[in-house]
Amino acid sequence: GKTLIDLGCMQINQHYHGDHFRSVEDMLDPHQNVDYAARFLAALHARHMTWSMAVARYHAGPDNDPAQKVYVCRVIANMVATGFGKWTPNASTFCNQ
């Protein structure tokens, strides 16, 4: 079957992360999906030391810097526009703001 797909509310890629779940059904379970995504994002933050890079790596993996930058900057801009975030110095530098 095809495994290069994103599953669940946190869009976890089955190909890269499926071995952390017992089944596809578990990947689709909202509690397990969000729990894994939160732990994975926290690990990325610990590795890269900024939320901008953690979100970038979560979205596009370690080898897709142009796509990561576009995605992260859209996320931050949307958070700022809706009042749920602000431009931090790190985010401003990352997005050339």
PDB file of N, CA and C in Angstrom:
ATOM      1  N   GLY A   1       0.812  -1.194   0.000  1.00  0.00           N
ATOM      2  CA  GLY A   1       0.000   0.000   0.000  1.00  0.00           C
ATOM      3  C   GLY A   1       0.849   1.249   0.000  1.00  0.00           C
ATOM      4  N   LYS A   2       0.198   2.337  -0.153  1.00  0.00           N
ATOM      5  CA  LYS A   2       0.862   3.635  -0.154  1.00  0.00           C
ATOM      6  C   LYS A   2       1.025   4.128   1.276  1.00  0.00           C
ATOM      7  N   THR A   3       2.217   4.586   1.606  1.00  0.00           N
ATOM      8  CA  THR A   3       2.470   5.079   2.958  1.00  0.00           C
ATOM      9  C   THR A   3       2.973   6.514   2.988  1.00  0.00           C
ATOM     10  N   LEU A   4       3.255   7.105   1.844  1.00  0.00           N
ATOM     11  CA  LEU A   4       3.761   8.475   1.818  1.00  0.00           C
ATOM     12  C   LEU A   4       2.575   9.442   1.862  1.00  0.00           C
ATOM     13  N   ILE A   5       1.810   9.330   2.947  1.00  0.00           N
ATOM     14  CA  ILE A   5       0.620  10.163   3.142  1.00  0.00           C
ATOM     15  C   ILE A   5       0.616  10.694   4.568  1.00  0.00           C
ATOM     16  N   ASP A   6      -0.028  11.837   4.757  1.00  0.00           N
ATOM     17  CA  ASP A   6      -0.168  12.434   6.078  1.00  0.00           C
ATOM     18  C   ASP A   6      -1.513  12.027   6.654  1.00  0.00           C
ATOM     19  N   LEU A   7      -1.495  11.616   7.923  1.00  0.00           N
ATOM     20  CA  LEU A   7      -2.700  11.088   8.552  1.00  0.00           C
ATOM     21  C   LEU A   7      -3.055  11.843   9.823  1.00  0.00           C
ATOM     22  N   GLY A   8      -4.351  11.958  10.072  1.00  0.00           N
ATOM     23  CA  GLY A   8      -4.844  12.512  11.323  1.00  0.00           C
ATOM     24  C   GLY A   8      -4.840  14.019  11.375  1.00  0.00           C
ATOM     25  N   CYS A   9      -5.337  14.517  12.502  1.00  0.00           N
ATOM     26  CA  CYS A   9      -5.510  15.963  12.646  1.00  0.00           C
ATOM     27  C   CYS A   9      -4.181  16.719  12.663  1.00  0.00           C
ATOM     28  N   MET A  10      -3.093  16.057  13.020  1.00  0.00           N
ATOM     29  CA  MET A  10      -1.788  16.722  13.021  1.00  0.00           C
ATOM     30  C   MET A  10      -0.966  16.384  11.781  1.00  0.00           C
ATOM     31  N   GLN A  11      -1.594  15.690  10.826  1.00  0.00           N
ATOM     32  CA  GLN A  11      -0.971  15.391   9.537  1.00  0.00           C
ATOM     33  C   GLN A  11       0.412  14.754   9.697  1.00  0.00           C
ATOM     34  N   ILE A  12       0.444  13.620  10.385  1.00  0.00           N
ATOM     35  CA  ILE A  12       1.680  12.873  10.607  1.00  0.00           C
ATOM     36  C   ILE A  12       1.903  11.943   9.420  1.00  0.00           C
ATOM     37  N   ASN A  13       3.094  11.996   8.855  1.00  0.00           N
ATOM     38  CA  ASN A  13       3.388  11.197   7.671  1.00  0.00           C
ATOM     39  C   ASN A  13       3.588   9.729   8.048  1.00  0.00           C
ATOM     40  N   GLN A  14       2.796   8.866   7.427  1.00  0.00           N
ATOM     41  CA  GLN A  14       2.850   7.442   7.750  1.00  0.00           C
ATOM     42  C   GLN A  14       4.202   6.827   7.403  1.00  0.00           C
ATOM     43  N   HIS A  15       4.766   7.212   6.282  1.00  0.00           N
ATOM     44  CA  HIS A  15       6.047   6.640   5.850  1.00  0.00           C
ATOM     45  C   HIS A  15       7.147   6.887   6.885  1.00  0.00           C
ATOM     46  N   TYR A  16       7.233   8.104   7.385  1.00  0.00           N
ATOM     47  CA  TYR A  16       8.314   8.479   8.289  1.00  0.00           C
ATOM     48  C   TYR A  16       8.017   8.206   9.758  1.00  0.00           C
ATOM     49  N   HIS A  17       6.746   8.148  10.140  1.00  0.00           N
ATOM     50  CA  HIS A  17       6.408   8.044  11.557  1.00  0.00           C
ATOM     51  C   HIS A  17       5.517   6.857  11.906  1.00  0.00           C
ATOM     52  N   GLY A  18       5.127   6.083  10.911  1.00  0.00           N
ATOM     53  CA  GLY A  18       4.215   4.972  11.151  1.00  0.00           C
ATOM     54  C   GLY A  18       4.728   3.944  12.135  1.00  0.00           C
ATOM     55  N   ASP A  19       6.050   3.794  12.221  1.00  0.00           N
ATOM     56  CA  ASP A  19       6.606   2.795  13.136  1.00  0.00           C
ATOM     57  C   ASP A  19       6.451   3.180  14.605  1.00  0.00           C
ATOM     58  N   HIS A  20       5.984   4.398  14.877  1.00  0.00           N
ATOM     59  CA  HIS A  20       5.732   4.838  16.248  1.00  0.00           C
ATOM     60  C   HIS A  20       4.304   4.513  16.697  1.00  0.00           C
ATOM     61  N   PHE A  21       3.538   3.909  15.825  1.00  0.00           N
ATOM     62  CA  PHE A  21       2.146   3.549  16.114  1.00  0.00           C
ATOM     63  C   PHE A  21       1.953   2.062  15.863  1.00  0.00           C
ATOM     64  N   ARG A  22       0.977   1.472  16.548  1.00  0.00           N
ATOM     65  CA  ARG A  22       0.689   0.050  16.348  1.00  0.00           C
ATOM     66  C   ARG A  22      -0.034  -0.212  15.039  1.00  0.00           C
ATOM     67  N   SER A  23      -0.791   0.792  14.548  1.00  0.00           N
ATOM     68  CA  SER A  23      -1.601   0.585  13.348  1.00  0.00           C
ATOM     69  C   SER A  23      -1.973   1.929  12.736  1.00  0.00           C
ATOM     70  N   VAL A  24      -2.513   1.883  11.527  1.00  0.00           N
ATOM     71  CA  VAL A  24      -3.033   3.093  10.881  1.00  0.00           C
ATOM     72  C   VAL A  24      -4.188   3.653  11.705  1.00  0.00           C
ATOM     73  N   GLU A  25      -5.002   2.771  12.254  1.00  0.00           N
ATOM     74  CA  GLU A  25      -6.124   3.217  13.082  1.00  0.00           C
ATOM     75  C   GLU A  25      -5.621   4.036  14.272  1.00  0.00           C
ATOM     76  N   ASP A  26      -4.504   3.603  14.872  1.00  0.00           N
ATOM     77  CA  ASP A  26      -3.932   4.367  15.982  1.00  0.00           C
ATOM     78  C   ASP A  26      -3.429   5.726  15.509  1.00  0.00           C
ATOM     79  N   MET A  27      -2.861   5.787  14.313  1.00  0.00           N
ATOM     80  CA  MET A  27      -2.409   7.076  13.778  1.00  0.00           C
ATOM     81  C   MET A  27      -3.582   8.024  13.575  1.00  0.00           C
ATOM     82  N   LEU A  28      -4.742   7.472  13.273  1.00  0.00           N
ATOM     83  CA  LEU A  28      -5.934   8.287  13.032  1.00  0.00           C
ATOM     84  C   LEU A  28      -6.676   8.645  14.316  1.00  0.00           C
ATOM     85  N   ASP A  29      -6.340   8.000  15.419  1.00  0.00           N
ATOM     86  CA  ASP A  29      -6.970   8.316  16.700  1.00  0.00           C
ATOM     87  C   ASP A  29      -6.508   9.708  17.137  1.00  0.00           C
ATOM     88  N   PRO A  30      -7.431  10.657  17.339  1.00  0.00           N
ATOM     89  CA  PRO A  30      -7.023  12.034  17.643  1.00  0.00           C
ATOM     90  C   PRO A  30      -6.104  12.150  18.858  1.00  0.00           C
ATOM     91  N   HIS A  31      -6.385  11.417  19.920  1.00  0.00           N
ATOM     92  CA  HIS A  31      -5.550  11.512  21.121  1.00  0.00           C
ATOM     93  C   HIS A  31      -4.124  11.056  20.834  1.00  0.00           C
ATOM     94  N   GLN A  32      -3.986   9.908  20.201  1.00  0.00           N
ATOM     95  CA  GLN A  32      -2.652   9.385  19.901  1.00  0.00           C
ATOM     96  C   GLN A  32      -1.933  10.247  18.867  1.00  0.00           C
ATOM     97  N   ASN A  33      -2.674  10.753  17.895  1.00  0.00           N
ATOM     98  CA  ASN A  33      -2.104  11.584  16.843  1.00  0.00           C
ATOM     99  C   ASN A  33      -1.537  12.873  17.435  1.00  0.00           C
ATOM    100  N   VAL A  34      -2.328  13.553  18.254  1.00  0.00           N
ATOM    101  CA  VAL A  34      -1.891  14.816  18.850  1.00  0.00           C
ATOM    102  C   VAL A  34      -0.772  14.574  19.859  1.00  0.00           C
ATOM    103  N   ASP A  35      -0.879  13.510  20.650  1.00  0.00           N
ATOM    104  CA  ASP A  35       0.158  13.206  21.635  1.00  0.00           C
ATOM    105  C   ASP A  35       1.508  12.992  20.946  1.00  0.00           C
ATOM    106  N   TYR A  36       1.517  12.190  19.898  1.00  0.00           N
ATOM    107  CA  TYR A  36       2.771  11.941  19.186  1.00  0.00           C
ATOM    108  C   TYR A  36       3.297  13.235  18.564  1.00  0.00           C
ATOM    109  N   ALA A  37       2.418  13.995  17.928  1.00  0.00           N
ATOM    110  CA  ALA A  37       2.845  15.232  17.270  1.00  0.00           C
ATOM    111  C   ALA A  37       3.447  16.209  18.274  1.00  0.00           C
ATOM    112  N   ALA A  38       2.842  16.327  19.451  1.00  0.00           N
ATOM    113  CA  ALA A  38       3.365  17.239  20.472  1.00  0.00           C
ATOM    114  C   ALA A  38       4.746  16.795  20.942  1.00  0.00           C
ATOM    115  N   ARG A  39       4.919  15.500  21.160  1.00  0.00           N
ATOM    116  CA  ARG A  39       6.225  14.994  21.584  1.00  0.00           C
ATOM    117  C   ARG A  39       7.269  15.173  20.484  1.00  0.00           C
ATOM    118  N   PHE A  40       6.876  14.923  19.248  1.00  0.00           N
ATOM    119  CA  PHE A  40       7.791  15.090  18.115  1.00  0.00           C
ATOM    120  C   PHE A  40       8.198  16.559  17.956  1.00  0.00           C
ATOM    121  N   LEU A  41       7.234  17.467  18.050  1.00  0.00           N
ATOM    122  CA  LEU A  41       7.524  18.894  17.928  1.00  0.00           C
ATOM    123  C   LEU A  41       8.428  19.360  19.070  1.00  0.00           C
ATOM    124  N   ALA A  42       8.186  18.874  20.284  1.00  0.00           N
ATOM    125  CA  ALA A  42       9.046  19.233  21.417  1.00  0.00           C
ATOM    126  C   ALA A  42      10.478  18.737  21.191  1.00  0.00           C
ATOM    127  N   ALA A  43      10.623  17.537  20.636  1.00  0.00           N
ATOM    128  CA  ALA A  43      11.960  17.006  20.342  1.00  0.00           C
ATOM    129  C   ALA A  43      12.653  17.848  19.272  1.00  0.00           C
ATOM    130  N   LEU A  44      11.904  18.280  18.270  1.00  0.00           N
ATOM    131  CA  LEU A  44      12.481  19.144  17.237  1.00  0.00           C
ATOM    132  C   LEU A  44      12.913  20.479  17.830  1.00  0.00           C
ATOM    133  N   HIS A  45      12.112  21.020  18.741  1.00  0.00           N
ATOM    134  CA  HIS A  45      12.471  22.278  19.395  1.00  0.00           C
ATOM    135  C   HIS A  45      13.749  22.100  20.215  1.00  0.00           C
ATOM    136  N   ALA A  46      13.854  20.997  20.931  1.00  0.00           N
ATOM    137  CA  ALA A  46      15.063  20.738  21.723  1.00  0.00           C
ATOM    138  C   ALA A  46      16.295  20.623  20.820  1.00  0.00           C
ATOM    139  N   ARG A  47      16.123  20.044  19.652  1.00  0.00           N
ATOM    140  CA  ARG A  47      17.242  19.860  18.721  1.00  0.00           C
ATOM    141  C   ARG A  47      17.645  21.168  18.047  1.00  0.00           C
ATOM    142  N   HIS A  48      16.668  21.965  17.622  1.00  0.00           N
ATOM    143  CA  HIS A  48      16.957  23.155  16.810  1.00  0.00           C
ATOM    144  C   HIS A  48      16.933  24.458  17.597  1.00  0.00           C
ATOM    145  N   MET A  49      16.431  24.416  18.824  1.00  0.00           N
ATOM    146  CA  MET A  49      16.448  25.537  19.772  1.00  0.00           C
ATOM    147  C   MET A  49      15.550  26.717  19.414  1.00  0.00           C
ATOM    148  N   THR A  50      14.773  26.637  18.351  1.00  0.00           N
ATOM    149  CA  THR A  50      13.795  27.688  18.051  1.00  0.00           C
ATOM    150  C   THR A  50      12.510  27.025  17.582  1.00  0.00           C
ATOM    151  N   TRP A  51      11.392  27.679  17.885  1.00  0.00           N
ATOM    152  CA  TRP A  51      10.112  27.155  17.411  1.00  0.00           C
ATOM    153  C   TRP A  51       9.988  27.316  15.905  1.00  0.00           C
ATOM    154  N   SER A  52      10.590  28.359  15.350  1.00  0.00           N
ATOM    155  CA  SER A  52      10.531  28.548  13.894  1.00  0.00           C
ATOM    156  C   SER A  52      11.116  27.342  13.171  1.00  0.00           C
ATOM    157  N   MET A  53      12.294  26.909  13.593  1.00  0.00           N
ATOM    158  CA  MET A  53      12.922  25.759  12.943  1.00  0.00           C
ATOM    159  C   MET A  53      12.202  24.464  13.292  1.00  0.00           C
ATOM    160  N   ALA A  54      11.678  24.360  14.511  1.00  0.00           N
ATOM    161  CA  ALA A  54      10.938  23.150  14.886  1.00  0.00           C
ATOM    162  C   ALA A  54       9.716  22.985  13.993  1.00  0.00           C
ATOM    163  N   VAL A  55       8.970  24.063  13.787  1.00  0.00           N
ATOM    164  CA  VAL A  55       7.793  24.001  12.914  1.00  0.00           C
ATOM    165  C   VAL A  55       8.219  23.715  11.476  1.00  0.00           C
ATOM    166  N   ALA A  56       9.318  24.330  11.053  1.00  0.00           N
ATOM    167  CA  ALA A  56       9.813  24.086   9.693  1.00  0.00           C
ATOM    168  C   ALA A  56      10.147  22.613   9.487  1.00  0.00           C
ATOM    169  N   ARG A  57      10.871  22.025  10.410  1.00  0.00           N
ATOM    170  CA  ARG A  57      11.256  20.621  10.287  1.00  0.00           C
ATOM    171  C   ARG A  57      10.047  19.704  10.420  1.00  0.00           C
ATOM    172  N   TYR A  58       9.095  20.059  11.258  1.00  0.00           N
ATOM    173  CA  TYR A  58       7.878  19.258  11.399  1.00  0.00           C
ATOM    174  C   TYR A  58       7.147  19.189  10.062  1.00  0.00           C
ATOM    175  N   HIS A  59       7.082  20.310   9.394  1.00  0.00           N
ATOM    176  CA  HIS A  59       6.326  20.389   8.140  1.00  0.00           C
ATOM    177  C   HIS A  59       7.024  19.698   6.980  1.00  0.00           C
ATOM    178  N   ALA A  60       8.319  19.923   6.822  1.00  0.00           N
ATOM    179  CA  ALA A  60       8.968  19.513   5.575  1.00  0.00           C
ATOM    180  C   ALA A  60      10.198  18.636   5.760  1.00  0.00           C
ATOM    181  N   GLY A  61      10.507  18.222   6.956  1.00  0.00           N
ATOM    182  CA  GLY A  61      11.661  17.360   7.157  1.00  0.00           C
ATOM    183  C   GLY A  61      12.972  18.117   7.116  1.00  0.00           C
ATOM    184  N   PRO A  62      14.081  17.395   7.196  1.00  0.00           N
ATOM    185  CA  PRO A  62      15.381  18.050   7.325  1.00  0.00           C
ATOM    186  C   PRO A  62      16.000  18.572   6.030  1.00  0.00           C
ATOM    187  N   ASP A  63      15.462  18.236   4.883  1.00  0.00           N
ATOM    188  CA  ASP A  63      16.140  18.568   3.624  1.00  0.00           C
ATOM    189  C   ASP A  63      15.309  19.408   2.659  1.00  0.00           C
ATOM    190  N   ASN A  64      14.457  20.275   3.164  1.00  0.00           N
ATOM    191  CA  ASN A  64      13.578  21.038   2.286  1.00  0.00           C
ATOM    192  C   ASN A  64      13.475  22.480   2.765  1.00  0.00           C
ATOM    193  N   ASP A  65      14.615  23.149   2.916  1.00  0.00           N
ATOM    194  CA  ASP A  65      14.647  24.482   3.506  1.00  0.00           C
ATOM    195  C   ASP A  65      13.764  25.522   2.825  1.00  0.00           C
ATOM    196  N   PRO A  66      13.720  25.645   1.497  1.00  0.00           N
ATOM    197  CA  PRO A  66      12.848  26.663   0.892  1.00  0.00           C
ATOM    198  C   PRO A  66      11.369  26.454   1.239  1.00  0.00           C
ATOM    199  N   ALA A  67      10.905  25.224   1.159  1.00  0.00           N
ATOM    200  CA  ALA A  67       9.504  24.949   1.496  1.00  0.00           C
ATOM    201  C   ALA A  67       9.244  25.210   2.970  1.00  0.00           C
ATOM    202  N   GLN A  68      10.205  24.877   3.806  1.00  0.00           N
ATOM    203  CA  GLN A  68      10.049  25.096   5.242  1.00  0.00           C
ATOM    204  C   GLN A  68       9.889  26.573   5.553  1.00  0.00           C
ATOM    205  N   LYS A  69      10.731  27.376   4.959  1.00  0.00           N
ATOM    206  CA  LYS A  69      10.688  28.806   5.244  1.00  0.00           C
ATOM    207  C   LYS A  69       9.348  29.399   4.829  1.00  0.00           C
ATOM    208  N   VAL A  70       8.881  29.068   3.654  1.00  0.00           N
ATOM    209  CA  VAL A  70       7.588  29.577   3.183  1.00  0.00           C
ATOM    210  C   VAL A  70       6.481  29.157   4.142  1.00  0.00           C
ATOM    211  N   TYR A  71       6.477  27.887   4.523  1.00  0.00           N
ATOM    212  CA  TYR A  71       5.430  27.372   5.406  1.00  0.00           C
ATOM    213  C   TYR A  71       5.459  28.059   6.769  1.00  0.00           C
ATOM    214  N   VAL A  72       6.625  28.104   7.391  1.00  0.00           N
ATOM    215  CA  VAL A  72       6.735  28.696   8.721  1.00  0.00           C
ATOM    216  C   VAL A  72       6.329  30.161   8.700  1.00  0.00           C
ATOM    217  N   CYS A  73       6.760  30.891   7.710  1.00  0.00           N
ATOM    218  CA  CYS A  73       6.424  32.312   7.641  1.00  0.00           C
ATOM    219  C   CYS A  73       4.930  32.517   7.433  1.00  0.00           C
ATOM    220  N   ARG A  74       4.285  31.630   6.698  1.00  0.00           N
ATOM    221  CA  ARG A  74       2.819  31.695   6.564  1.00  0.00           C
ATOM    222  C   ARG A  74       2.139  31.404   7.896  1.00  0.00           C
ATOM    223  N   VAL A  75       2.628  30.398   8.608  1.00  0.00           N
ATOM    224  CA  VAL A  75       2.056  30.063   9.918  1.00  0.00           C
ATOM    225  C   VAL A  75       2.164  31.260  10.853  1.00  0.00           C
ATOM    226  N   ILE A  76       3.345  31.852  10.938  1.00  0.00           N
ATOM    227  CA  ILE A  76       3.544  32.989  11.838  1.00  0.00           C
ATOM    228  C   ILE A  76       2.683  34.173  11.408  1.00  0.00           C
ATOM    229  N   ALA A  77       2.665  34.480  10.127  1.00  0.00           N
ATOM    230  CA  ALA A  77       1.848  35.599   9.637  1.00  0.00           C
ATOM    231  C   ALA A  77       0.375  35.379   9.957  1.00  0.00           C
ATOM    232  N   ASN A  78      -0.108  34.157   9.800  1.00  0.00           N
ATOM    233  CA  ASN A  78      -1.506  33.862  10.133  1.00  0.00           C
ATOM    234  C   ASN A  78      -1.760  33.990  11.628  1.00  0.00           C
ATOM    235  N   MET A  79      -0.814  33.559  12.448  1.00  0.00           N
ATOM    236  CA  MET A  79      -0.976  33.700  13.894  1.00  0.00           C
ATOM    237  C   MET A  79      -1.011  35.170  14.296  1.00  0.00           C
ATOM    238  N   VAL A  80      -0.142  35.966  13.711  1.00  0.00           N
ATOM    239  CA  VAL A  80      -0.119  37.398  14.010  1.00  0.00           C
ATOM    240  C   VAL A  80      -1.421  38.048  13.551  1.00  0.00           C
ATOM    241  N   ALA A  81      -1.863  37.720  12.350  1.00  0.00           N
ATOM    242  CA  ALA A  81      -3.081  38.323  11.792  1.00  0.00           C
ATOM    243  C   ALA A  81      -4.322  37.998  12.616  1.00  0.00           C
ATOM    244  N   THR A  82      -4.344  36.825  13.237  1.00  0.00           N
ATOM    245  CA  THR A  82      -5.516  36.428  14.021  1.00  0.00           C
ATOM    246  C   THR A  82      -5.382  36.773  15.495  1.00  0.00           C
ATOM    247  N   GLY A  83      -4.256  37.373  15.885  1.00  0.00           N
ATOM    248  CA  GLY A  83      -4.062  37.771  17.268  1.00  0.00           C
ATOM    249  C   GLY A  83      -3.543  36.671  18.180  1.00  0.00           C
ATOM    250  N   PHE A  84      -3.156  35.542  17.632  1.00  0.00           N
ATOM    251  CA  PHE A  84      -2.667  34.427  18.440  1.00  0.00           C
ATOM    252  C   PHE A  84      -1.145  34.359  18.509  1.00  0.00           C
ATOM    253  N   GLY A  85      -0.470  35.326  17.937  1.00  0.00           N
ATOM    254  CA  GLY A  85       0.983  35.305  17.958  1.00  0.00           C
ATOM    255  C   GLY A  85       1.539  36.682  17.675  1.00  0.00           C
ATOM    256  N   LYS A  86       2.854  36.779  17.713  1.00  0.00           N
ATOM    257  CA  LYS A  86       3.528  38.042  17.408  1.00  0.00           C
ATOM    258  C   LYS A  86       4.856  37.723  16.742  1.00  0.00           C
ATOM    259  N   TRP A  87       5.389  38.721  16.085  1.00  0.00           N
ATOM    260  CA  TRP A  87       6.695  38.560  15.455  1.00  0.00           C
ATOM    261  C   TRP A  87       7.761  38.675  16.536  1.00  0.00           C
ATOM    262  N   THR A  88       8.423  37.577  16.834  1.00  0.00           N
ATOM    263  CA  THR A  88       9.554  37.608  17.754  1.00  0.00           C
ATOM    264  C   THR A  88      10.796  37.992  16.956  1.00  0.00           C
ATOM    265  N   PRO A  89      11.855  38.404  17.629  1.00  0.00           N
ATOM    266  CA  PRO A  89      13.082  38.716  16.886  1.00  0.00           C
ATOM    267  C   PRO A  89      13.566  37.535  16.033  1.00  0.00           C
ATOM    268  N   ASN A  90      13.502  36.332  16.587  1.00  0.00           N
ATOM    269  CA  ASN A  90      13.941  35.151  15.840  1.00  0.00           C
ATOM    270  C   ASN A  90      13.069  34.922  14.617  1.00  0.00           C
ATOM    271  N   ALA A  91      11.743  35.001  14.793  1.00  0.00           N
ATOM    272  CA  ALA A  91      10.821  34.784  13.675  1.00  0.00           C
ATOM    273  C   ALA A  91      10.987  35.880  12.622  1.00  0.00           C
ATOM    274  N   SER A  92      11.167  37.116  13.066  1.00  0.00           N
ATOM    275  CA  SER A  92      11.364  38.222  12.122  1.00  0.00           C
ATOM    276  C   SER A  92      12.615  38.009  11.279  1.00  0.00           C
ATOM    277  N   THR A  93      13.689  37.579  11.922  1.00  0.00           N
ATOM    278  CA  THR A  93      14.928  37.301  11.194  1.00  0.00           C
ATOM    279  C   THR A  93      14.732  36.149  10.221  1.00  0.00           C
ATOM    280  N   PHE A  94      14.107  35.079  10.697  1.00  0.00           N
ATOM    281  CA  PHE A  94      13.886  33.892   9.872  1.00  0.00           C
ATOM    282  C   PHE A  94      13.078  34.233   8.624  1.00  0.00           C
ATOM    283  N   CYS A  95      12.063  35.091   8.789  1.00  0.00           N
ATOM    284  CA  CYS A  95      11.151  35.427   7.680  1.00  0.00           C
ATOM    285  C   CYS A  95      11.520  36.730   6.979  1.00  0.00           C
ATOM    286  N   ASN A  96      12.654  37.314   7.329  1.00  0.00           N
ATOM    287  CA  ASN A  96      13.099  38.572   6.716  1.00  0.00           C
ATOM    288  C   ASN A  96      12.076  39.681   6.887  1.00  0.00           C
ATOM    289  N   GLN A  97      11.517  39.807   8.059  1.00  0.00           N
ATOM    290  CA  GLN A  97      10.521  40.849   8.345  1.00  0.00           C
ATOM    291  C   GLN A  97      11.198  42.108   8.816  1.00  0.00           C
TER     292      GLN A  97
END
